[in-house]
Amino acid sequence: VPRRRTKRRWLRWLLLLAVLDAAAFYWWWSNQAERRYNPIIREAAEEHGVEYALIKAVIWQESRFREDAVGDAGEIGLMQLMELAALEWADDHGV
């Protein structure tokens, strides 16, 4: 009987280790998308005089850093802008 308990204990530890490993990998993978945009966000923040953290927070809130995100009302992209609003802003700023 003691061997059976030892075996179960090892199986529990292995299962716990597998779950923790999967959670760590998921956390690492989900943060890769966020870090990928850091240089672009920094450049935009400096160019437009906006806080880097504010831009990053808006992107996280609106799209969770998914560039292909589409909102219920047709908002698109990382910051979930309406197409007309983006076009008007680009026209006003000569972009």
C-alpha atoms as a PDB file:
ATOM      1  CA  VAL A   1       0.000   0.000   0.000  1.00  0.00           C
ATOM      2  CA  PRO A   2       2.783   2.566   0.690  1.00  0.00           C
ATOM      3  CA  ARG A   3       4.076   2.162  -2.891  1.00  0.00           C
ATOM      4  CA  ARG A   4       0.644   3.027  -4.249  1.00  0.00           C
ATOM      5  CA  ARG A   5       0.502   6.211  -2.132  1.00  0.00           C
ATOM      6  CA  THR A   6       3.982   7.192  -3.242  1.00  0.00           C
ATOM      7  CA  LYS A   7       3.017   6.681  -6.871  1.00  0.00           C
ATOM      8  CA  ARG A   8      -0.145   8.781  -6.460  1.00  0.00           C
ATOM      9  CA  ARG A   9       1.814  11.506  -4.728  1.00  0.00           C
ATOM     10  CA  TRP A  10       4.315  11.634  -7.614  1.00  0.00           C
ATOM     11  CA  LEU A  11       1.476  11.737 -10.145  1.00  0.00           C
ATOM     12  CA  ARG A  12      -0.125  14.648  -8.287  1.00  0.00           C
ATOM     13  CA  TRP A  13       3.168  16.532  -8.256  1.00  0.00           C
ATOM     14  CA  LEU A  14       3.682  15.887 -11.970  1.00  0.00           C
ATOM     15  CA  LEU A  15       0.151  17.072 -12.728  1.00  0.00           C
ATOM     16  CA  LEU A  16       0.689  20.224 -10.664  1.00  0.00           C
ATOM     17  CA  LEU A  17       3.998  20.846 -12.414  1.00  0.00           C
ATOM     18  CA  ALA A  18       2.362  20.415 -15.837  1.00  0.00           C
ATOM     19  CA  VAL A  19      -0.418  22.871 -14.943  1.00  0.00           C
ATOM     20  CA  LEU A  20       2.059  25.452 -13.632  1.00  0.00           C
ATOM     21  CA  ASP A  21       4.228  25.019 -16.723  1.00  0.00           C
ATOM     22  CA  ALA A  22       1.226  25.535 -19.002  1.00  0.00           C
ATOM     23  CA  ALA A  23       0.196  28.650 -17.061  1.00  0.00           C
ATOM     24  CA  ALA A  24       3.707  30.117 -17.279  1.00  0.00           C
ATOM     25  CA  PHE A  25       3.853  29.451 -21.014  1.00  0.00           C
ATOM     26  CA  TYR A  26       0.432  31.049 -21.519  1.00  0.00           C
ATOM     27  CA  TRP A  27       1.516  34.165 -19.567  1.00  0.00           C
ATOM     28  CA  TRP A  28       4.757  34.419 -21.564  1.00  0.00           C
ATOM     29  CA  TRP A  29       2.978  33.929 -24.913  1.00  0.00           C
ATOM     30  CA  SER A  30       0.242  36.472 -24.172  1.00  0.00           C
ATOM     31  CA  ASN A  31       2.837  39.112 -23.261  1.00  0.00           C
ATOM     32  CA  GLN A  32       4.752  38.671 -26.523  1.00  0.00           C
ATOM     33  CA  ALA A  33       2.101  40.549 -28.525  1.00  0.00           C
ATOM     34  CA  GLU A  34       2.187  43.428 -26.065  1.00  0.00           C
ATOM     35  CA  ARG A  35       5.974  43.779 -26.178  1.00  0.00           C
ATOM     36  CA  ARG A  36       6.033  43.551 -29.966  1.00  0.00           C
ATOM     37  CA  TYR A  37       4.401  46.985 -30.253  1.00  0.00           C
ATOM     38  CA  ASN A  38       6.591  48.806 -27.691  1.00  0.00           C
ATOM     39  CA  PRO A  39       8.871  50.548 -30.255  1.00  0.00           C
ATOM     40  CA  ILE A  40       5.907  51.746 -32.324  1.00  0.00           C
ATOM     41  CA  ILE A  41       4.057  52.980 -29.234  1.00  0.00           C
ATOM     42  CA  ARG A  42       7.149  54.838 -27.968  1.00  0.00           C
ATOM     43  CA  GLU A  43       7.652  56.511 -31.337  1.00  0.00           C
ATOM     44  CA  ALA A  44       3.993  57.573 -31.550  1.00  0.00           C
ATOM     45  CA  ALA A  45       4.046  58.865 -27.962  1.00  0.00           C
ATOM     46  CA  GLU A  46       7.109  61.023 -28.614  1.00  0.00           C
ATOM     47  CA  GLU A  47       5.851  62.247 -31.981  1.00  0.00           C
ATOM     48  CA  HIS A  48       2.443  63.314 -30.674  1.00  0.00           C
ATOM     49  CA  GLY A  49       3.390  64.351 -27.123  1.00  0.00           C
ATOM     50  CA  VAL A  50       1.241  61.692 -25.471  1.00  0.00           C
ATOM     51  CA  GLU A  51       2.225  59.513 -22.529  1.00  0.00           C
ATOM     52  CA  TYR A  52       3.540  56.113 -23.593  1.00  0.00           C
ATOM     53  CA  ALA A  53       1.601  54.419 -20.783  1.00  0.00           C
ATOM     54  CA  LEU A  54      -1.652  56.066 -21.865  1.00  0.00           C
ATOM     55  CA  ILE A  55      -1.363  54.766 -25.428  1.00  0.00           C
ATOM     56  CA  LYS A  56      -0.484  51.307 -24.167  1.00  0.00           C
ATOM     57  CA  ALA A  57      -3.418  51.333 -21.733  1.00  0.00           C
ATOM     58  CA  VAL A  58      -5.878  52.355 -24.452  1.00  0.00           C
ATOM     59  CA  ILE A  59      -4.626  49.594 -26.747  1.00  0.00           C
ATOM     60  CA  TRP A  60      -4.887  47.018 -23.964  1.00  0.00           C
ATOM     61  CA  GLN A  61      -8.394  48.139 -23.023  1.00  0.00           C
ATOM     62  CA  GLU A  62      -9.697  48.319 -26.570  1.00  0.00           C
ATOM     63  CA  SER A  63      -8.138  45.297 -28.290  1.00  0.00           C
ATOM     64  CA  ARG A  64      -5.864  43.427 -25.861  1.00  0.00           C
ATOM     65  CA  PHE A  65      -3.121  44.013 -28.473  1.00  0.00           C
ATOM     66  CA  ARG A  66      -4.993  42.098 -31.192  1.00  0.00           C
ATOM     67  CA  GLU A  67      -4.415  44.068 -34.402  1.00  0.00           C
ATOM     68  CA  ASP A  68      -7.253  42.252 -36.160  1.00  0.00           C
ATOM     69  CA  ALA A  69      -9.833  43.166 -33.492  1.00  0.00           C
ATOM     70  CA  VAL A  70     -13.174  44.478 -34.758  1.00  0.00           C
ATOM     71  CA  GLY A  71     -15.674  46.111 -32.402  1.00  0.00           C
ATOM     72  CA  ASP A  72     -19.457  45.750 -32.378  1.00  0.00           C
ATOM     73  CA  ALA A  73     -19.929  49.144 -34.039  1.00  0.00           C
ATOM     74  CA  GLY A  74     -17.239  48.537 -36.666  1.00  0.00           C
ATOM     75  CA  GLU A  75     -14.225  49.884 -34.774  1.00  0.00           C
ATOM     76  CA  ILE A  76     -10.986  48.416 -36.082  1.00  0.00           C
ATOM     77  CA  GLY A  77      -7.387  47.896 -35.085  1.00  0.00           C
ATOM     78  CA  LEU A  78      -5.403  48.120 -31.895  1.00  0.00           C
ATOM     79  CA  MET A  79      -7.076  51.292 -30.637  1.00  0.00           C
ATOM     80  CA  GLN A  80     -10.503  50.403 -32.057  1.00  0.00           C
ATOM     81  CA  LEU A  81     -10.946  53.495 -34.204  1.00  0.00           C
ATOM     82  CA  MET A  82     -13.847  54.078 -36.545  1.00  0.00           C
ATOM     83  CA  GLU A  83     -12.616  54.186 -40.133  1.00  0.00           C
ATOM     84  CA  LEU A  84     -14.093  57.645 -40.784  1.00  0.00           C
ATOM     85  CA  ALA A  85     -12.492  59.085 -37.640  1.00  0.00           C
ATOM     86  CA  ALA A  86      -9.098  57.691 -38.649  1.00  0.00           C
ATOM     87  CA  LEU A  87      -9.435  59.082 -42.175  1.00  0.00           C
ATOM     88  CA  GLU A  88     -10.439  62.538 -40.880  1.00  0.00           C
ATOM     89  CA  TRP A  89      -7.522  62.592 -38.435  1.00  0.00           C
ATOM     90  CA  ALA A  90      -5.094  61.524 -41.159  1.00  0.00           C
ATOM     91  CA  ASP A  91      -6.429  64.227 -43.484  1.00  0.00           C
ATOM     92  CA  ASP A  92      -6.163  66.912 -40.779  1.00  0.00           C
ATOM     93  CA  HIS A  93      -2.575  65.916 -40.002  1.00  0.00           C
ATOM     94  CA  GLY A  94      -1.426  65.378 -43.564  1.00  0.00           C
ATOM     95  CA  VAL A  95      -0.774  61.700 -43.112  1.00  0.00           C
END
